[in-house]
C-alpha atoms as a PDB file:
ATOM      1  CA  MET A   1      44.441  80.417  72.005  1.00  0.00           C
ATOM      2  CA  ALA A   2      46.698  77.969  70.706  1.00  0.00           C
ATOM      3  CA  LYS A   3      49.119  80.922  70.742  1.00  0.00           C
ATOM      4  CA  LYS A   4      49.309  81.245  74.199  1.00  0.00           C
ATOM      5  CA  LYS A   5      49.060  77.558  75.376  1.00  0.00           C
ATOM      6  CA  LYS A   6      52.735  76.966  73.025  1.00  0.00           C
ATOM      7  CA  LYS A   7      53.985  79.921  74.944  1.00  0.00           C
ATOM      8  CA  LYS A   8      53.320  78.610  78.581  1.00  0.00           C
ATOM      9  CA  ILE A   9      54.807  75.065  77.418  1.00  0.00           C
ATOM     10  CA  GLY A  10      57.995  77.178  75.915  1.00  0.00           C
ATOM     11  CA  CYS A  11      58.379  79.119  79.025  1.00  0.00           C
ATOM     12  CA  LEU A  12      58.216  76.046  81.482  1.00  0.00           C
ATOM     13  CA  SER A  13      60.295  74.101  79.410  1.00  0.00           C
ATOM     14  CA  PHE A  14      62.591  76.858  79.487  1.00  0.00           C
ATOM     15  CA  LEU A  15      62.483  77.150  83.297  1.00  0.00           C
ATOM     16  CA  LEU A  16      62.162  73.103  83.633  1.00  0.00           C
ATOM     17  CA  ILE A  17      65.566  72.377  81.697  1.00  0.00           C
ATOM     18  CA  PRO A  18      67.914  74.454  83.941  1.00  0.00           C
ATOM     19  CA  ILE A  19      66.292  72.953  87.061  1.00  0.00           C
ATOM     20  CA  PHE A  20      66.752  69.765  85.766  1.00  0.00           C
ATOM     21  CA  LEU A  21      70.204  70.116  85.009  1.00  0.00           C
ATOM     22  CA  PHE A  22      70.750  71.474  88.266  1.00  0.00           C
ATOM     23  CA  LEU A  23      69.384  68.382  89.959  1.00  0.00           C
ATOM     24  CA  LEU A  24      71.649  66.063  87.770  1.00  0.00           C
ATOM     25  CA  ILE A  25      74.604  67.829  88.672  1.00  0.00           C
ATOM     26  CA  VAL A  26      74.182  67.761  92.532  1.00  0.00           C
ATOM     27  CA  GLN A  27      73.142  64.268  92.357  1.00  0.00           C
ATOM     28  CA  ASN A  28      76.620  63.934  90.205  1.00  0.00           C
ATOM     29  CA  ALA A  29      78.675  65.698  92.749  1.00  0.00           C
ATOM     30  CA  GLN A  30      77.057  63.405  95.609  1.00  0.00           C
ATOM     31  CA  LYS A  31      77.772  60.266  93.696  1.00  0.00           C
ATOM     32  CA  ASN A  32      81.542  61.197  93.616  1.00  0.00           C
ATOM     33  CA  GLN A  33      81.803  62.014  96.822  1.00  0.00           C
ATOM     34  CA  ILE A  34      80.806  58.498  97.838  1.00  0.00           C
ATOM     35  CA  ASP A  35      83.126  57.245  95.682  1.00  0.00           C
ATOM     36  CA  ILE A  36      85.825  59.125  96.946  1.00  0.00           C
ATOM     37  CA  LYS A  37      84.883  57.598 100.055  1.00  0.00           C
ATOM     38  CA  LYS A  38      84.735  54.189  99.300  1.00  0.00           C
ATOM     39  CA  GLU A  39      88.312  54.740  97.293  1.00  0.00           C
ATOM     40  CA  TYR A  40      89.746  55.920 100.672  1.00  0.00           C
ATOM     41  CA  ILE A  41      88.590  52.899 102.472  1.00  0.00           C
ATOM     42  CA  GLU A  42      89.530  49.910  99.823  1.00  0.00           C
ATOM     43  CA  SER A  43      92.822  51.386  99.392  1.00  0.00           C
ATOM     44  CA  THR A  44      93.600  52.444 102.843  1.00  0.00           C
ATOM     45  CA  LYS A  45      92.778  49.030 104.306  1.00  0.00           C
ATOM     46  CA  ASP A  46      95.301  46.798 103.702  1.00  0.00           C
ATOM     47  CA  LEU A  47      97.423  49.062 105.601  1.00  0.00           C
ATOM     48  CA  ALA A  48      95.183  49.639 108.558  1.00  0.00           C
ATOM     49  CA  ILE A  49      95.299  45.578 108.710  1.00  0.00           C
ATOM     50  CA  GLU A  50      98.626  45.835 108.947  1.00  0.00           C
ATOM     51  CA  VAL A  51      99.080  48.204 111.505  1.00  0.00           C
ATOM     52  CA  SER A  52      96.213  47.036 113.420  1.00  0.00           C
ATOM     53  CA  ASN A  53      96.839  43.296 113.789  1.00  0.00           C
ATOM     54  CA  GLN A  54     101.051  44.917 115.006  1.00  0.00           C
ATOM     55  CA  TYR A  55     100.018  46.769 117.313  1.00  0.00           C
ATOM     56  CA  GLY A  56      96.640  45.004 118.534  1.00  0.00           C
ATOM     57  CA  LEU A  57      93.979  47.157 117.978  1.00  0.00           C
ATOM     58  CA  PHE A  58      90.640  46.530 115.861  1.00  0.00           C
ATOM     59  CA  PRO A  59      91.465  47.457 111.717  1.00  0.00           C
ATOM     60  CA  SER A  60      87.940  48.649 111.858  1.00  0.00           C
ATOM     61  CA  VAL A  61      88.722  51.472 114.465  1.00  0.00           C
ATOM     62  CA  THR A  62      92.029  52.324 112.297  1.00  0.00           C
ATOM     63  CA  LEU A  63      90.872  52.837 109.302  1.00  0.00           C
ATOM     64  CA  ALA A  64      87.545  54.815 110.467  1.00  0.00           C
ATOM     65  CA  GLN A  65      89.823  57.307 112.842  1.00  0.00           C
ATOM     66  CA  SER A  66      91.818  57.577 109.417  1.00  0.00           C
ATOM     67  CA  ALA A  67      88.950  58.297 107.406  1.00  0.00           C
ATOM     68  CA  LEU A  68      87.521  60.829 110.063  1.00  0.00           C
ATOM     69  CA  GLU A  69      90.301  62.719 110.716  1.00  0.00           C
ATOM     70  CA  SER A  70      92.040  63.091 107.288  1.00  0.00           C
ATOM     71  CA  ASN A  71      88.090  63.832 105.645  1.00  0.00           C
ATOM     72  CA  TYR A  72      89.207  60.843 103.263  1.00  0.00           C
ATOM     73  CA  GLY A  73      92.723  61.485 102.531  1.00  0.00           C
ATOM     74  CA  ARG A  74      91.868  64.613 101.394  1.00  0.00           C
ATOM     75  CA  SER A  75      92.663  67.204 103.975  1.00  0.00           C
ATOM     76  CA  LYS A  76      95.556  69.327 103.941  1.00  0.00           C
ATOM     77  CA  LEU A  77      97.190  67.777 106.772  1.00  0.00           C
ATOM     78  CA  SER A  78      96.557  64.661 105.130  1.00  0.00           C
ATOM     79  CA  SER A  79      97.397  65.391 101.714  1.00  0.00           C
ATOM     80  CA  GLU A  80     100.366  67.402 102.152  1.00  0.00           C
ATOM     81  CA  TYR A  81     102.222  66.179 105.338  1.00  0.00           C
ATOM     82  CA  ASN A  82     100.778  62.753 105.769  1.00  0.00           C
ATOM     83  CA  ASN A  83      98.956  63.094 108.712  1.00  0.00           C
ATOM     84  CA  TYR A  84      95.947  60.854 108.598  1.00  0.00           C
ATOM     85  CA  PHE A  85      95.132  60.844 112.533  1.00  0.00           C
ATOM     86  CA  GLY A  86      95.310  64.535 113.330  1.00  0.00           C
ATOM     87  CA  ILE A  87      98.578  63.262 115.786  1.00  0.00           C
ATOM     88  CA  LYS A  88      99.931  66.171 117.055  1.00  0.00           C
ATOM     89  CA  GLY A  89     103.695  66.963 118.252  1.00  0.00           C
ATOM     90  CA  LYS A  90     106.492  69.171 119.346  1.00  0.00           C
ATOM     91  CA  LYS A  91     109.439  68.387 116.621  1.00  0.00           C
ATOM     92  CA  ASP A  92     108.925  68.305 113.093  1.00  0.00           C
ATOM     93  CA  THR A  93     105.632  69.573 112.876  1.00  0.00           C
ATOM     94  CA  VAL A  94     103.226  72.062 111.043  1.00  0.00           C
ATOM     95  CA  ALA A  95     101.167  75.173 112.525  1.00  0.00           C
ATOM     96  CA  LEU A  96      97.346  74.473 111.166  1.00  0.00           C
ATOM     97  CA  GLU A  97      94.418  76.111 112.291  1.00  0.00           C
ATOM     98  CA  THR A  98      91.804  72.936 114.055  1.00  0.00           C
ATOM     99  CA  GLU A  99      88.984  72.919 115.977  1.00  0.00           C
ATOM    100  CA  GLU A 100      88.524  71.908 118.981  1.00  0.00           C
ATOM    101  CA  TYR A 101      86.070  71.606 122.152  1.00  0.00           C
ATOM    102  CA  ILE A 102      87.208  73.323 125.121  1.00  0.00           C
ATOM    103  CA  ASN A 103      84.302  73.191 128.281  1.00  0.00           C
ATOM    104  CA  GLY A 104      82.082  71.982 125.466  1.00  0.00           C
ATOM    105  CA  LYS A 105      82.379  74.939 123.117  1.00  0.00           C
ATOM    106  CA  SER A 106      84.172  74.332 119.751  1.00  0.00           C
ATOM    107  CA  VAL A 107      86.930  76.712 119.362  1.00  0.00           C
ATOM    108  CA  LYS A 108      89.174  77.236 116.240  1.00  0.00           C
ATOM    109  CA  GLN A 109      92.934  77.328 117.180  1.00  0.00           C
ATOM    110  CA  LYS A 110      96.665  76.663 115.685  1.00  0.00           C
ATOM    111  CA  GLU A 111      98.031  73.276 116.805  1.00  0.00           C
ATOM    112  CA  ASN A 112     101.095  72.017 115.925  1.00  0.00           C
ATOM    113  CA  PHE A 113     100.867  68.505 114.039  1.00  0.00           C
ATOM    114  CA  ARG A 114     103.233  65.650 112.853  1.00  0.00           C
ATOM    115  CA  LYS A 115     104.505  65.877 109.657  1.00  0.00           C
ATOM    116  CA  TYR A 116     105.510  62.637 108.206  1.00  0.00           C
ATOM    117  CA  LYS A 117     107.388  61.353 104.953  1.00  0.00           C
ATOM    118  CA  SER A 118     104.314  58.669 104.232  1.00  0.00           C
ATOM    119  CA  LYS A 119     101.064  57.546 104.612  1.00  0.00           C
ATOM    120  CA  LYS A 120     102.765  54.263 106.145  1.00  0.00           C
ATOM    121  CA  ASP A 121     104.567  56.322 108.329  1.00  0.00           C
ATOM    122  CA  SER A 122     101.760  57.694 110.258  1.00  0.00           C
ATOM    123  CA  PHE A 123      99.668  54.499 110.297  1.00  0.00           C
ATOM    124  CA  TYR A 124     102.592  52.798 112.300  1.00  0.00           C
ATOM    125  CA  ASP A 125     102.941  56.040 114.706  1.00  0.00           C
ATOM    126  CA  TYR A 126      99.407  55.867 115.671  1.00  0.00           C
ATOM    127  CA  GLY A 127      99.993  52.135 116.062  1.00  0.00           C
ATOM    128  CA  ASN A 128     102.442  52.748 118.351  1.00  0.00           C
ATOM    129  CA  LEU A 129     100.540  55.804 120.170  1.00  0.00           C
ATOM    130  CA  ILE A 130      97.520  53.968 120.773  1.00  0.00           C
ATOM    131  CA  GLY A 131      99.547  50.157 121.177  1.00  0.00           C
ATOM    132  CA  SER A 132     102.429  51.279 123.181  1.00  0.00           C
ATOM    133  CA  LYS A 133     101.067  54.514 125.599  1.00  0.00           C
ATOM    134  CA  LYS A 134      99.798  53.480 128.853  1.00  0.00           C
ATOM    135  CA  ARG A 135      97.026  56.082 128.780  1.00  0.00           C
ATOM    136  CA  TYR A 136      95.616  54.052 125.902  1.00  0.00           C
ATOM    137  CA  LYS A 137      95.975  50.086 127.663  1.00  0.00           C
ATOM    138  CA  LYS A 138      91.974  49.591 128.117  1.00  0.00           C
ATOM    139  CA  VAL A 139      91.896  50.462 124.503  1.00  0.00           C
ATOM    140  CA  LEU A 140      94.094  47.527 123.731  1.00  0.00           C
ATOM    141  CA  GLN A 141      91.747  45.562 127.104  1.00  0.00           C
ATOM    142  CA  ALA A 142      88.615  46.103 124.282  1.00  0.00           C
ATOM    143  CA  LYS A 143      86.663  43.656 123.496  1.00  0.00           C
ATOM    144  CA  THR A 144      84.901  45.193 120.471  1.00  0.00           C
ATOM    145  CA  TYR A 145      85.505  48.197 118.381  1.00  0.00           C
ATOM    146  CA  LYS A 146      82.833  50.413 120.319  1.00  0.00           C
ATOM    147  CA  GLU A 147      84.536  49.639 123.464  1.00  0.00           C
ATOM    148  CA  ALA A 148      87.973  50.707 121.851  1.00  0.00           C
ATOM    149  CA  ILE A 149      86.863  53.749 120.392  1.00  0.00           C
ATOM    150  CA  GLY A 150      85.040  54.445 123.456  1.00  0.00           C
ATOM    151  CA  GLU A 151      88.733  53.968 125.455  1.00  0.00           C
ATOM    152  CA  ILE A 152      90.406  56.062 122.722  1.00  0.00           C
ATOM    153  CA  LYS A 153      87.975  58.858 123.181  1.00  0.00           C
ATOM    154  CA  ALA A 154      88.169  58.475 127.149  1.00  0.00           C
ATOM    155  CA  ALA A 155      91.834  58.457 127.252  1.00  0.00           C
ATOM    156  CA  GLY A 156      92.230  62.187 125.443  1.00  0.00           C
ATOM    157  CA  TYR A 157      92.488  61.390 121.918  1.00  0.00           C
ATOM    158  CA  ALA A 158      90.246  63.810 120.730  1.00  0.00           C
ATOM    159  CA  THR A 159      88.374  66.873 122.177  1.00  0.00           C
ATOM    160  CA  ASP A 160      85.056  66.757 120.391  1.00  0.00           C
ATOM    161  CA  PRO A 161      82.156  65.030 122.715  1.00  0.00           C
ATOM    162  CA  LYS A 162      80.720  63.104 119.104  1.00  0.00           C
ATOM    163  CA  TYR A 163      83.928  61.795 118.036  1.00  0.00           C
ATOM    164  CA  ALA A 164      83.388  57.864 119.005  1.00  0.00           C
ATOM    165  CA  GLU A 165      79.939  58.666 117.409  1.00  0.00           C
ATOM    166  CA  LYS A 166      81.645  59.698 114.106  1.00  0.00           C
ATOM    167  CA  VAL A 167      84.425  56.850 114.296  1.00  0.00           C
ATOM    168  CA  ILE A 168      81.475  54.299 114.652  1.00  0.00           C
ATOM    169  CA  ARG A 169      79.344  55.731 111.744  1.00  0.00           C
ATOM    170  CA  ILE A 170      81.965  55.508 109.620  1.00  0.00           C
ATOM    171  CA  ILE A 171      82.884  51.483 110.662  1.00  0.00           C
ATOM    172  CA  GLU A 172      78.697  51.211 110.423  1.00  0.00           C
ATOM    173  CA  LYS A 173      78.535  52.913 107.161  1.00  0.00           C
ATOM    174  CA  TYR A 174      81.158  51.166 105.734  1.00  0.00           C
ATOM    175  CA  LYS A 175      80.969  47.503 107.190  1.00  0.00           C
ATOM    176  CA  LEU A 176      84.387  48.134 108.334  1.00  0.00           C
ATOM    177  CA  ASN A 177      83.973  45.700 111.286  1.00  0.00           C
ATOM    178  CA  ASP A 178      84.290  43.030 108.356  1.00  0.00           C
ATOM    179  CA  LEU A 179      87.942  44.109 108.925  1.00  0.00           C
ATOM    180  CA  ASP A 180      87.923  42.664 112.393  1.00  0.00           C
ATOM    181  CA  ILE A 181      87.640  39.223 111.211  1.00  0.00           C
ATOM    182  CA  SER A 182      91.078  39.287 110.547  1.00  0.00           C
ATOM    183  CA  PHE A 183      91.853  40.749 113.889  1.00  0.00           C
ATOM    184  CA  LYS A 184      93.744  38.503 116.772  1.00  0.00           C
ATOM    185  CA  LYS A 185      94.083  39.511 119.913  1.00  0.00           C
END
């Protein structure tokens, strides 16, 4: 009887150890994901504040949009071409597949995205785009970050119907609205 009990315990241990190791690996991977996102935010916030203050934008929106559009600096578009905002163009571009929403349906298609020499160039081009184009003038009149991203979406910046919600979620998750204290209208 004691032999059977030892055998059961041995089998159970044999099964539980891999499960335990798997759970540890998954937990560690999730922690690394969070660390990568926080690292991106920490390393990019000063640039977002600088550009936002120059163009009259909310730093929280600038930083959260760059995080969303670049997958926290890990997308091919940002890591290889320094485009942190998914800005499209006609000259000096790269054609990459993207997800667009047409008539409410998600569609994969190739689009021409601008290439930049540096992350800083990408941020300043974004600031210039939102801060000086007529179609974004309501963004400059916004009183809150929620209103600002709503106006960016309404002006046609993104086709994803949940774009504003996604940006707001990033702002609130990482308390990026604290950056707006430095914001001067």
